Amino acid sequence: MFTYPIPINNPRKVHLFGIQDEAVREQINYVLDENEIIGKGPNGTLSMVFNGIKRLNKGEKHLKITCDNAGVLTPPPLDYKRQEYLYQNIRAFVRDKFKDITCPKPVQNGFE
């Protein structure tokens, strides 16, 4: 495994993958630059899982695996009636600095 310094002021997109041994509270994190991903699909992930198991194994005979895919999810836009309700009935209860984010003026978005 190669390590190299990454300047903090150099923003970049990365893939983060971690594997943890809960018995000893040890975790290995794999941080891959966006162009270093091992490939789409399960092969890249499985190779990191296998590497992590080999590195964390202390002779255990049983393995419990849980998975969490924390990808970015974008919710669908609200329909016009819901936007209108939020604007007319909820906006008054929202702090001023959040009103345009939480309850903006309704707009037709073509999803009605």
PDB file of N, CA and C in Angstrom:
ATOM      1  N   MET A   1       0.845  -1.172   0.000  1.00  0.00           N
ATOM      2  CA  MET A   1       0.000   0.000   0.000  1.00  0.00           C
ATOM      3  C   MET A   1       0.887   1.230   0.000  1.00  0.00           C
ATOM      4  N   PHE A   2       0.572   2.198  -0.833  1.00  0.00           N
ATOM      5  CA  PHE A   2       1.348   3.421  -0.943  1.00  0.00           C
ATOM      6  C   PHE A   2       0.678   4.531  -0.155  1.00  0.00           C
ATOM      7  N   THR A   3       1.473   5.338   0.475  1.00  0.00           N
ATOM      8  CA  THR A   3       0.944   6.528   1.141  1.00  0.00           C
ATOM      9  C   THR A   3       1.710   7.731   0.613  1.00  0.00           C
ATOM     10  N   TYR A   4       1.021   8.829   0.473  1.00  0.00           N
ATOM     11  CA  TYR A   4       1.660  10.051   0.033  1.00  0.00           C
ATOM     12  C   TYR A   4       0.896  11.226   0.597  1.00  0.00           C
ATOM     13  N   PRO A   5       1.592  12.330   0.880  1.00  0.00           N
ATOM     14  CA  PRO A   5       0.906  13.487   1.467  1.00  0.00           C
ATOM     15  C   PRO A   5      -0.028  14.139   0.458  1.00  0.00           C
ATOM     16  N   ILE A   6      -1.169  14.551   0.947  1.00  0.00           N
ATOM     17  CA  ILE A   6      -2.133  15.291   0.129  1.00  0.00           C
ATOM     18  C   ILE A   6      -2.289  16.666   0.768  1.00  0.00           C
ATOM     19  N   PRO A   7      -1.931  17.725   0.035  1.00  0.00           N
ATOM     20  CA  PRO A   7      -2.088  19.061   0.613  1.00  0.00           C
ATOM     21  C   PRO A   7      -3.545  19.318   1.008  1.00  0.00           C
ATOM     22  N   ILE A   8      -3.737  19.883   2.180  1.00  0.00           N
ATOM     23  CA  ILE A   8      -5.084  20.116   2.685  1.00  0.00           C
ATOM     24  C   ILE A   8      -5.837  21.126   1.832  1.00  0.00           C
ATOM     25  N   ASN A   9      -5.142  22.048   1.210  1.00  0.00           N
ATOM     26  CA  ASN A   9      -5.822  23.070   0.415  1.00  0.00           C
ATOM     27  C   ASN A   9      -6.089  22.615  -1.017  1.00  0.00           C
ATOM     28  N   ASN A  10      -6.007  21.320  -1.272  1.00  0.00           N
ATOM     29  CA  ASN A  10      -6.225  20.776  -2.607  1.00  0.00           C
ATOM     30  C   ASN A  10      -7.479  19.902  -2.580  1.00  0.00           C
ATOM     31  N   PRO A  11      -8.671  20.488  -2.788  1.00  0.00           N
ATOM     32  CA  PRO A  11      -9.898  19.691  -2.699  1.00  0.00           C
ATOM     33  C   PRO A  11      -9.950  18.636  -3.798  1.00  0.00           C
ATOM     34  N   ARG A  12     -10.509  17.477  -3.452  1.00  0.00           N
ATOM     35  CA  ARG A  12     -10.630  16.402  -4.433  1.00  0.00           C
ATOM     36  C   ARG A  12     -11.767  15.479  -4.024  1.00  0.00           C
ATOM     37  N   LYS A  13     -12.292  14.773  -5.004  1.00  0.00           N
ATOM     38  CA  LYS A  13     -13.320  13.779  -4.736  1.00  0.00           C
ATOM     39  C   LYS A  13     -12.624  12.457  -4.447  1.00  0.00           C
ATOM     40  N   VAL A  14     -13.068  11.794  -3.392  1.00  0.00           N
ATOM     41  CA  VAL A  14     -12.464  10.514  -3.022  1.00  0.00           C
ATOM     42  C   VAL A  14     -13.551   9.492  -2.722  1.00  0.00           C
ATOM     43  N   HIS A  15     -13.166   8.235  -2.753  1.00  0.00           N
ATOM     44  CA  HIS A  15     -14.012   7.138  -2.309  1.00  0.00           C
ATOM     45  C   HIS A  15     -13.457   6.697  -0.962  1.00  0.00           C
ATOM     46  N   LEU A  16     -14.330   6.545   0.025  1.00  0.00           N
ATOM     47  CA  LEU A  16     -13.923   6.151   1.358  1.00  0.00           C
ATOM     48  C   LEU A  16     -14.550   4.803   1.675  1.00  0.00           C
ATOM     49  N   PHE A  17     -13.741   3.883   2.124  1.00  0.00           N
ATOM     50  CA  PHE A  17     -14.217   2.552   2.491  1.00  0.00           C
ATOM     51  C   PHE A  17     -13.535   2.174   3.788  1.00  0.00           C
ATOM     52  N   GLY A  18     -14.285   1.670   4.743  1.00  0.00           N
ATOM     53  CA  GLY A  18     -13.709   1.271   6.021  1.00  0.00           C
ATOM     54  C   GLY A  18     -14.143  -0.125   6.414  1.00  0.00           C
ATOM     55  N   ILE A  19     -13.266  -0.819   7.118  1.00  0.00           N
ATOM     56  CA  ILE A  19     -13.591  -2.131   7.666  1.00  0.00           C
ATOM     57  C   ILE A  19     -13.117  -2.128   9.115  1.00  0.00           C
ATOM     58  N   GLN A  20     -13.973  -2.619  10.018  1.00  0.00           N
ATOM     59  CA  GLN A  20     -13.689  -2.505  11.445  1.00  0.00           C
ATOM     60  C   GLN A  20     -13.781  -3.859  12.122  1.00  0.00           C
ATOM     61  N   ASP A  21     -12.857  -4.108  13.042  1.00  0.00           N
ATOM     62  CA  ASP A  21     -12.922  -5.266  13.930  1.00  0.00           C
ATOM     63  C   ASP A  21     -13.485  -4.751  15.250  1.00  0.00           C
ATOM     64  N   GLU A  22     -14.758  -5.017  15.502  1.00  0.00           N
ATOM     65  CA  GLU A  22     -15.409  -4.476  16.691  1.00  0.00           C
ATOM     66  C   GLU A  22     -14.889  -5.090  17.977  1.00  0.00           C
ATOM     67  N   ALA A  23     -14.351  -6.311  17.907  1.00  0.00           N
ATOM     68  CA  ALA A  23     -13.856  -6.972  19.116  1.00  0.00           C
ATOM     69  C   ALA A  23     -12.686  -6.204  19.725  1.00  0.00           C
ATOM     70  N   VAL A  24     -11.812  -5.681  18.894  1.00  0.00           N
ATOM     71  CA  VAL A  24     -10.649  -4.950  19.404  1.00  0.00           C
ATOM     72  C   VAL A  24     -10.739  -3.458  19.078  1.00  0.00           C
ATOM     73  N   ARG A  25     -11.846  -3.053  18.480  1.00  0.00           N
ATOM     74  CA  ARG A  25     -12.101  -1.659  18.128  1.00  0.00           C
ATOM     75  C   ARG A  25     -10.970  -1.082  17.274  1.00  0.00           C
ATOM     76  N   GLU A  26     -10.629  -1.820  16.250  1.00  0.00           N
ATOM     77  CA  GLU A  26      -9.619  -1.395  15.293  1.00  0.00           C
ATOM     78  C   GLU A  26     -10.282  -1.247  13.933  1.00  0.00           C
ATOM     79  N   GLN A  27      -9.931  -0.214  13.199  1.00  0.00           N
ATOM     80  CA  GLN A  27     -10.539   0.033  11.899  1.00  0.00           C
ATOM     81  C   GLN A  27      -9.474   0.376  10.884  1.00  0.00           C
ATOM     82  N   ILE A  28      -9.674  -0.104   9.666  1.00  0.00           N
ATOM     83  CA  ILE A  28      -8.822   0.245   8.536  1.00  0.00           C
ATOM     84  C   ILE A  28      -9.684   1.055   7.578  1.00  0.00           C
ATOM     85  N   ASN A  29      -9.196   2.208   7.169  1.00  0.00           N
ATOM     86  CA  ASN A  29      -9.898   3.043   6.199  1.00  0.00           C
ATOM     87  C   ASN A  29      -9.094   3.091   4.906  1.00  0.00           C
ATOM     88  N   TYR A  30      -9.787   2.883   3.806  1.00  0.00           N
ATOM     89  CA  TYR A  30      -9.190   2.993   2.487  1.00  0.00           C
ATOM     90  C   TYR A  30      -9.731   4.278   1.873  1.00  0.00           C
ATOM     91  N   VAL A  31      -8.846   5.190   1.508  1.00  0.00           N
ATOM     92  CA  VAL A  31      -9.239   6.434   0.866  1.00  0.00           C
ATOM     93  C   VAL A  31      -8.619   6.423  -0.528  1.00  0.00           C
ATOM     94  N   LEU A  32      -9.469   6.366  -1.529  1.00  0.00           N
ATOM     95  CA  LEU A  32      -8.997   6.293  -2.908  1.00  0.00           C
ATOM     96  C   LEU A  32      -9.407   7.541  -3.654  1.00  0.00           C
ATOM     97  N   ASP A  33      -8.465   8.123  -4.353  1.00  0.00           N
ATOM     98  CA  ASP A  33      -8.771   9.245  -5.218  1.00  0.00           C
ATOM     99  C   ASP A  33      -9.792   8.780  -6.251  1.00  0.00           C
ATOM    100  N   GLU A  34     -10.614   9.685  -6.725  1.00  0.00           N
ATOM    101  CA  GLU A  34     -11.688   9.331  -7.648  1.00  0.00           C
ATOM    102  C   GLU A  34     -11.176   8.531  -8.851  1.00  0.00           C
ATOM    103  N   ASN A  35      -9.983   8.846  -9.339  1.00  0.00           N
ATOM    104  CA  ASN A  35      -9.461   8.126 -10.504  1.00  0.00           C
ATOM    105  C   ASN A  35      -8.708   6.852 -10.134  1.00  0.00           C
ATOM    106  N   GLU A  36      -8.617   6.528  -8.845  1.00  0.00           N
ATOM    107  CA  GLU A  36      -7.927   5.313  -8.404  1.00  0.00           C
ATOM    108  C   GLU A  36      -8.879   4.170  -8.071  1.00  0.00           C
ATOM    109  N   ILE A  37     -10.172   4.382  -8.226  1.00  0.00           N
ATOM    110  CA  ILE A  37     -11.129   3.344  -7.854  1.00  0.00           C
ATOM    111  C   ILE A  37     -10.824   2.073  -8.641  1.00  0.00           C
ATOM    112  N   ILE A  38     -10.965   0.945  -7.991  1.00  0.00           N
ATOM    113  CA  ILE A  38     -10.559  -0.334  -8.558  1.00  0.00           C
ATOM    114  C   ILE A  38     -11.509  -0.805  -9.646  1.00  0.00           C
ATOM    115  N   GLY A  39     -12.597  -0.182  -9.800  1.00  0.00           N
ATOM    116  CA  GLY A  39     -13.557  -0.577 -10.822  1.00  0.00           C
ATOM    117  C   GLY A  39     -14.962  -0.504 -10.271  1.00  0.00           C
ATOM    118  N   LYS A  40     -15.904  -0.452 -11.158  1.00  0.00           N
ATOM    119  CA  LYS A  40     -17.312  -0.403 -10.750  1.00  0.00           C
ATOM    120  C   LYS A  40     -17.753  -1.806 -10.357  1.00  0.00           C
ATOM    121  N   GLY A  41     -18.748  -1.882  -9.502  1.00  0.00           N
ATOM    122  CA  GLY A  41     -19.281  -3.175  -9.102  1.00  0.00           C
ATOM    123  C   GLY A  41     -18.576  -3.736  -7.879  1.00  0.00           C
ATOM    124  N   PRO A  42     -18.827  -5.012  -7.598  1.00  0.00           N
ATOM    125  CA  PRO A  42     -18.364  -5.604  -6.343  1.00  0.00           C
ATOM    126  C   PRO A  42     -16.875  -5.928  -6.296  1.00  0.00           C
ATOM    127  N   ASN A  43     -16.187  -6.071  -7.424  1.00  0.00           N
ATOM    128  CA  ASN A  43     -14.805  -6.539  -7.392  1.00  0.00           C
ATOM    129  C   ASN A  43     -13.878  -5.633  -6.589  1.00  0.00           C
ATOM    130  N   GLY A  44     -13.970  -4.335  -6.786  1.00  0.00           N
ATOM    131  CA  GLY A  44     -13.127  -3.415  -6.037  1.00  0.00           C
ATOM    132  C   GLY A  44     -13.408  -3.475  -4.555  1.00  0.00           C
ATOM    133  N   THR A  45     -14.682  -3.490  -4.192  1.00  0.00           N
ATOM    134  CA  THR A  45     -15.054  -3.548  -2.778  1.00  0.00           C
ATOM    135  C   THR A  45     -14.597  -4.860  -2.158  1.00  0.00           C
ATOM    136  N   LEU A  46     -14.829  -5.972  -2.852  1.00  0.00           N
ATOM    137  CA  LEU A  46     -14.441  -7.271  -2.300  1.00  0.00           C
ATOM    138  C   LEU A  46     -12.938  -7.383  -2.103  1.00  0.00           C
ATOM    139  N   SER A  47     -12.156  -6.788  -2.984  1.00  0.00           N
ATOM    140  CA  SER A  47     -10.712  -6.853  -2.795  1.00  0.00           C
ATOM    141  C   SER A  47     -10.288  -6.080  -1.547  1.00  0.00           C
ATOM    142  N   MET A  48     -10.947  -4.943  -1.254  1.00  0.00           N
ATOM    143  CA  MET A  48     -10.636  -4.204  -0.033  1.00  0.00           C
ATOM    144  C   MET A  48     -11.110  -4.968   1.199  1.00  0.00           C
ATOM    145  N   VAL A  49     -12.282  -5.616   1.118  1.00  0.00           N
ATOM    146  CA  VAL A  49     -12.774  -6.423   2.240  1.00  0.00           C
ATOM    147  C   VAL A  49     -11.796  -7.558   2.527  1.00  0.00           C
ATOM    148  N   PHE A  50     -11.371  -8.263   1.500  1.00  0.00           N
ATOM    149  CA  PHE A  50     -10.460  -9.386   1.678  1.00  0.00           C
ATOM    150  C   PHE A  50      -9.136  -8.911   2.280  1.00  0.00           C
ATOM    151  N   ASN A  51      -8.611  -7.797   1.791  1.00  0.00           N
ATOM    152  CA  ASN A  51      -7.377  -7.244   2.342  1.00  0.00           C
ATOM    153  C   ASN A  51      -7.553  -6.885   3.809  1.00  0.00           C
ATOM    154  N   GLY A  52      -8.681  -6.250   4.150  1.00  0.00           N
ATOM    155  CA  GLY A  52      -8.945  -5.878   5.538  1.00  0.00           C
ATOM    156  C   GLY A  52      -9.078  -7.083   6.450  1.00  0.00           C
ATOM    157  N   ILE A  53      -9.754  -8.130   5.983  1.00  0.00           N
ATOM    158  CA  ILE A  53      -9.902  -9.352   6.788  1.00  0.00           C
ATOM    159  C   ILE A  53      -8.532  -9.963   7.046  1.00  0.00           C
ATOM    160  N   LYS A  54      -7.700 -10.041   6.025  1.00  0.00           N
ATOM    161  CA  LYS A  54      -6.352 -10.604   6.202  1.00  0.00           C
ATOM    162  C   LYS A  54      -5.552  -9.792   7.217  1.00  0.00           C
ATOM    163  N   ARG A  55      -5.676  -8.476   7.164  1.00  0.00           N
ATOM    164  CA  ARG A  55      -4.891  -7.626   8.064  1.00  0.00           C
ATOM    165  C   ARG A  55      -5.417  -7.643   9.494  1.00  0.00           C
ATOM    166  N   LEU A  56      -6.736  -7.795   9.668  1.00  0.00           N
ATOM    167  CA  LEU A  56      -7.330  -7.760  11.004  1.00  0.00           C
ATOM    168  C   LEU A  56      -7.439  -9.137  11.658  1.00  0.00           C
ATOM    169  N   ASN A  57      -7.294 -10.197  10.897  1.00  0.00           N
ATOM    170  CA  ASN A  57      -7.513 -11.547  11.413  1.00  0.00           C
ATOM    171  C   ASN A  57      -6.500 -11.894  12.488  1.00  0.00           C
ATOM    172  N   LYS A  58      -7.033 -12.339  13.623  1.00  0.00           N
ATOM    173  CA  LYS A  58      -6.202 -12.783  14.741  1.00  0.00           C
ATOM    174  C   LYS A  58      -6.481 -14.257  15.037  1.00  0.00           C
ATOM    175  N   GLY A  59      -6.954 -15.006  14.037  1.00  0.00           N
ATOM    176  CA  GLY A  59      -7.238 -16.424  14.216  1.00  0.00           C
ATOM    177  C   GLY A  59      -8.698 -16.733  14.517  1.00  0.00           C
ATOM    178  N   GLU A  60      -9.588 -15.749  14.364  1.00  0.00           N
ATOM    179  CA  GLU A  60     -11.005 -15.984  14.633  1.00  0.00           C
ATOM    180  C   GLU A  60     -11.559 -17.017  13.650  1.00  0.00           C
ATOM    181  N   LYS A  61     -12.599 -17.727  14.092  1.00  0.00           N
ATOM    182  CA  LYS A  61     -13.243 -18.745  13.259  1.00  0.00           C
ATOM    183  C   LYS A  61     -14.575 -18.271  12.690  1.00  0.00           C
ATOM    184  N   HIS A  62     -15.135 -17.186  13.207  1.00  0.00           N
ATOM    185  CA  HIS A  62     -16.432 -16.692  12.755  1.00  0.00           C
ATOM    186  C   HIS A  62     -16.308 -15.242  12.308  1.00  0.00           C
ATOM    187  N   LEU A  63     -17.098 -14.888  11.337  1.00  0.00           N
ATOM    188  CA  LEU A  63     -17.060 -13.545  10.771  1.00  0.00           C
ATOM    189  C   LEU A  63     -18.481 -13.041  10.594  1.00  0.00           C
ATOM    190  N   LYS A  64     -18.757 -11.863  11.105  1.00  0.00           N
ATOM    191  CA  LYS A  64     -20.053 -11.212  10.896  1.00  0.00           C
ATOM    192  C   LYS A  64     -19.793  -9.972  10.061  1.00  0.00           C
ATOM    193  N   ILE A  65     -20.503  -9.852   8.954  1.00  0.00           N
ATOM    194  CA  ILE A  65     -20.311  -8.712   8.058  1.00  0.00           C
ATOM    195  C   ILE A  65     -21.594  -7.899   7.998  1.00  0.00           C
ATOM    196  N   THR A  66     -21.469  -6.597   8.187  1.00  0.00           N
ATOM    197  CA  THR A  66     -22.589  -5.684   7.955  1.00  0.00           C
ATOM    198  C   THR A  66     -22.113  -4.645   6.951  1.00  0.00           C
ATOM    199  N   CYS A  67     -23.015  -4.169   6.131  1.00  0.00           N
ATOM    200  CA  CYS A  67     -22.653  -3.224   5.082  1.00  0.00           C
ATOM    201  C   CYS A  67     -23.480  -1.955   5.209  1.00  0.00           C
ATOM    202  N   ASP A  68     -22.856  -0.854   4.890  1.00  0.00           N
ATOM    203  CA  ASP A  68     -23.537   0.430   4.900  1.00  0.00           C
ATOM    204  C   ASP A  68     -23.083   1.196   3.670  1.00  0.00           C
ATOM    205  N   ASN A  69     -24.011   1.449   2.778  1.00  0.00           N
ATOM    206  CA  ASN A  69     -23.680   2.222   1.584  1.00  0.00           C
ATOM    207  C   ASN A  69     -24.150   3.642   1.820  1.00  0.00           C
ATOM    208  N   ALA A  70     -23.213   4.513   2.098  1.00  0.00           N
ATOM    209  CA  ALA A  70     -23.558   5.892   2.436  1.00  0.00           C
ATOM    210  C   ALA A  70     -23.396   6.820   1.239  1.00  0.00           C
ATOM    211  N   GLY A  71     -23.896   6.419   0.114  1.00  0.00           N
ATOM    212  CA  GLY A  71     -23.818   7.259  -1.070  1.00  0.00           C
ATOM    213  C   GLY A  71     -24.697   8.489  -0.931  1.00  0.00           C
ATOM    214  N   VAL A  72     -24.492   9.431  -1.778  1.00  0.00           N
ATOM    215  CA  VAL A  72     -25.281  10.670  -1.766  1.00  0.00           C
ATOM    216  C   VAL A  72     -26.607  10.416  -2.461  1.00  0.00           C
ATOM    217  N   LEU A  73     -27.677  10.706  -1.764  1.00  0.00           N
ATOM    218  CA  LEU A  73     -29.016  10.545  -2.327  1.00  0.00           C
ATOM    219  C   LEU A  73     -29.625  11.920  -2.539  1.00  0.00           C
ATOM    220  N   THR A  74     -30.185  12.127  -3.696  1.00  0.00           N
ATOM    221  CA  THR A  74     -30.855  13.389  -3.994  1.00  0.00           C
ATOM    222  C   THR A  74     -32.362  13.138  -4.018  1.00  0.00           C
ATOM    223  N   PRO A  75     -33.103  13.766  -3.107  1.00  0.00           N
ATOM    224  CA  PRO A  75     -34.549  13.539  -3.086  1.00  0.00           C
ATOM    225  C   PRO A  75     -35.220  14.157  -4.300  1.00  0.00           C
ATOM    226  N   PRO A  76     -36.344  13.609  -4.719  1.00  0.00           N
ATOM    227  CA  PRO A  76     -37.065  14.214  -5.836  1.00  0.00           C
ATOM    228  C   PRO A  76     -37.633  15.570  -5.408  1.00  0.00           C
ATOM    229  N   PRO A  77     -37.856  16.462  -6.358  1.00  0.00           N
ATOM    230  CA  PRO A  77     -38.414  17.776  -6.001  1.00  0.00           C
ATOM    231  C   PRO A  77     -39.835  17.645  -5.451  1.00  0.00           C
ATOM    232  N   LEU A  78     -40.200  18.571  -4.595  1.00  0.00           N
ATOM    233  CA  LEU A  78     -41.550  18.578  -4.031  1.00  0.00           C
ATOM    234  C   LEU A  78     -42.548  19.025  -5.094  1.00  0.00           C
ATOM    235  N   ASP A  79     -43.733  18.440  -5.057  1.00  0.00           N
ATOM    236  CA  ASP A  79     -44.753  18.893  -6.002  1.00  0.00           C
ATOM    237  C   ASP A  79     -45.252  20.276  -5.571  1.00  0.00           C
ATOM    238  N   TYR A  80     -45.938  20.948  -6.465  1.00  0.00           N
ATOM    239  CA  TYR A  80     -46.342  22.333  -6.246  1.00  0.00           C
ATOM    240  C   TYR A  80     -47.235  22.486  -5.011  1.00  0.00           C
ATOM    241  N   LYS A  81     -48.168  21.556  -4.807  1.00  0.00           N
ATOM    242  CA  LYS A  81     -49.083  21.658  -3.659  1.00  0.00           C
ATOM    243  C   LYS A  81     -48.311  21.597  -2.341  1.00  0.00           C
ATOM    244  N   ARG A  82     -47.295  20.734  -2.276  1.00  0.00           N
ATOM    245  CA  ARG A  82     -46.503  20.614  -1.045  1.00  0.00           C
ATOM    246  C   ARG A  82     -45.676  21.882  -0.825  1.00  0.00           C
ATOM    247  N   GLN A  83     -45.093  22.416  -1.890  1.00  0.00           N
ATOM    248  CA  GLN A  83     -44.330  23.666  -1.785  1.00  0.00           C
ATOM    249  C   GLN A  83     -45.220  24.800  -1.285  1.00  0.00           C
ATOM    250  N   GLU A  84     -46.429  24.859  -1.845  1.00  0.00           N
ATOM    251  CA  GLU A  84     -47.382  25.897  -1.467  1.00  0.00           C
ATOM    252  C   GLU A  84     -47.765  25.772   0.011  1.00  0.00           C
ATOM    253  N   TYR A  85     -48.016  24.553   0.462  1.00  0.00           N
ATOM    254  CA  TYR A  85     -48.360  24.320   1.873  1.00  0.00           C
ATOM    255  C   TYR A  85     -47.230  24.786   2.790  1.00  0.00           C
ATOM    256  N   LEU A  86     -45.999  24.398   2.468  1.00  0.00           N
ATOM    257  CA  LEU A  86     -44.863  24.788   3.297  1.00  0.00           C
ATOM    258  C   LEU A  86     -44.718  26.307   3.326  1.00  0.00           C
ATOM    259  N   TYR A  87     -44.865  26.933   2.178  1.00  0.00           N
ATOM    260  CA  TYR A  87     -44.705  28.382   2.078  1.00  0.00           C
ATOM    261  C   TYR A  87     -45.782  29.117   2.872  1.00  0.00           C
ATOM    262  N   GLN A  88     -47.042  28.665   2.770  1.00  0.00           N
ATOM    263  CA  GLN A  88     -48.159  29.374   3.400  1.00  0.00           C
ATOM    264  C   GLN A  88     -48.355  29.010   4.874  1.00  0.00           C
ATOM    265  N   ASN A  89     -48.010  27.773   5.276  1.00  0.00           N
ATOM    266  CA  ASN A  89     -48.343  27.328   6.629  1.00  0.00           C
ATOM    267  C   ASN A  89     -47.158  27.108   7.560  1.00  0.00           C
ATOM    268  N   ILE A  90     -45.992  26.883   7.030  1.00  0.00           N
ATOM    269  CA  ILE A  90     -44.843  26.547   7.870  1.00  0.00           C
ATOM    270  C   ILE A  90     -43.804  27.661   7.918  1.00  0.00           C
ATOM    271  N   ARG A  91     -43.680  28.410   6.843  1.00  0.00           N
ATOM    272  CA  ARG A  91     -42.644  29.447   6.728  1.00  0.00           C
ATOM    273  C   ARG A  91     -42.620  30.394   7.922  1.00  0.00           C
ATOM    274  N   ALA A  92     -43.761  30.745   8.457  1.00  0.00           N
ATOM    275  CA  ALA A  92     -43.833  31.688   9.575  1.00  0.00           C
ATOM    276  C   ALA A  92     -43.127  31.166  10.832  1.00  0.00           C
ATOM    277  N   PHE A  93     -42.965  29.854  10.938  1.00  0.00           N
ATOM    278  CA  PHE A  93     -42.355  29.252  12.127  1.00  0.00           C
ATOM    279  C   PHE A  93     -40.856  28.962  11.954  1.00  0.00           C
ATOM    280  N   VAL A  94     -40.324  29.261  10.781  1.00  0.00           N
ATOM    281  CA  VAL A  94     -38.918  28.978  10.477  1.00  0.00           C
ATOM    282  C   VAL A  94     -38.096  30.246  10.698  1.00  0.00           C
ATOM    283  N   ARG A  95     -36.890  30.077  11.273  1.00  0.00           N
ATOM    284  CA  ARG A  95     -36.020  31.235  11.471  1.00  0.00           C
ATOM    285  C   ARG A  95     -35.725  31.898  10.128  1.00  0.00           C
ATOM    286  N   ASP A  96     -35.635  33.230  10.155  1.00  0.00           N
ATOM    287  CA  ASP A  96     -35.492  34.014   8.922  1.00  0.00           C
ATOM    288  C   ASP A  96     -34.370  33.515   8.016  1.00  0.00           C
ATOM    289  N   LYS A  97     -33.218  33.187   8.584  1.00  0.00           N
ATOM    290  CA  LYS A  97     -32.087  32.815   7.736  1.00  0.00           C
ATOM    291  C   LYS A  97     -32.291  31.475   7.024  1.00  0.00           C
ATOM    292  N   PHE A  98     -33.293  30.681   7.454  1.00  0.00           N
ATOM    293  CA  PHE A  98     -33.555  29.388   6.824  1.00  0.00           C
ATOM    294  C   PHE A  98     -34.826  29.357   5.979  1.00  0.00           C
ATOM    295  N   LYS A  99     -35.585  30.447   5.968  1.00  0.00           N
ATOM    296  CA  LYS A  99     -36.873  30.455   5.270  1.00  0.00           C
ATOM    297  C   LYS A  99     -36.755  30.146   3.786  1.00  0.00           C
ATOM    298  N   ASP A 100     -35.776  30.740   3.106  1.00  0.00           N
ATOM    299  CA  ASP A 100     -35.645  30.524   1.665  1.00  0.00           C
ATOM    300  C   ASP A 100     -35.083  29.143   1.322  1.00  0.00           C
ATOM    301  N   ILE A 101     -34.520  28.462   2.291  1.00  0.00           N
ATOM    302  CA  ILE A 101     -34.025  27.095   2.075  1.00  0.00           C
ATOM    303  C   ILE A 101     -35.125  26.083   2.368  1.00  0.00           C
ATOM    304  N   THR A 102     -35.788  26.253   3.508  1.00  0.00           N
ATOM    305  CA  THR A 102     -36.793  25.289   3.965  1.00  0.00           C
ATOM    306  C   THR A 102     -38.150  25.466   3.299  1.00  0.00           C
ATOM    307  N   CYS A 103     -38.585  26.718   3.137  1.00  0.00           N
ATOM    308  CA  CYS A 103     -39.906  27.008   2.597  1.00  0.00           C
ATOM    309  C   CYS A 103     -39.844  28.121   1.575  1.00  0.00           C
ATOM    310  N   PRO A 104     -39.151  27.896   0.464  1.00  0.00           N
ATOM    311  CA  PRO A 104     -39.060  28.958  -0.552  1.00  0.00           C
ATOM    312  C   PRO A 104     -40.406  29.160  -1.253  1.00  0.00           C
ATOM    313  N   LYS A 105     -40.503  30.248  -1.986  1.00  0.00           N
ATOM    314  CA  LYS A 105     -41.693  30.518  -2.782  1.00  0.00           C
ATOM    315  C   LYS A 105     -41.895  29.362  -3.762  1.00  0.00           C
ATOM    316  N   PRO A 106     -43.127  28.854  -3.886  1.00  0.00           N
ATOM    317  CA  PRO A 106     -43.377  27.703  -4.773  1.00  0.00           C
ATOM    318  C   PRO A 106     -43.064  27.995  -6.242  1.00  0.00           C
ATOM    319  N   VAL A 107     -42.544  26.970  -6.921  1.00  0.00           N
ATOM    320  CA  VAL A 107     -42.278  27.064  -8.367  1.00  0.00           C
ATOM    321  C   VAL A 107     -42.788  25.792  -9.044  1.00  0.00           C
ATOM    322  N   GLN A 108     -43.304  25.950 -10.229  1.00  0.00           N
ATOM    323  CA  GLN A 108     -43.717  24.771 -11.025  1.00  0.00           C
ATOM    324  C   GLN A 108     -42.451  24.083 -11.499  1.00  0.00           C
ATOM    325  N   ASN A 109     -42.351  22.763 -11.272  1.00  0.00           N
ATOM    326  CA  ASN A 109     -41.140  22.061 -11.661  1.00  0.00           C
ATOM    327  C   ASN A 109     -41.371  20.948 -12.667  1.00  0.00           C
ATOM    328  N   GLY A 110     -42.580  20.816 -13.156  1.00  0.00           N
ATOM    329  CA  GLY A 110     -42.855  19.799 -14.176  1.00  0.00           C
ATOM    330  C   GLY A 110     -43.043  18.397 -13.624  1.00  0.00           C
ATOM    331  N   PHE A 111     -43.097  18.235 -12.293  1.00  0.00           N
ATOM    332  CA  PHE A 111     -43.270  16.921 -11.693  1.00  0.00           C
ATOM    333  C   PHE A 111     -44.668  16.717 -11.143  1.00  0.00           C
ATOM    334  N   GLU A 112     -45.600  17.629 -11.454  1.00  0.00           N
ATOM    335  CA  GLU A 112     -46.960  17.505 -10.934  1.00  0.00           C
ATOM    336  C   GLU A 112     -47.757  16.491 -11.746  1.00  0.00           C
TER     337      GLU A 112
END
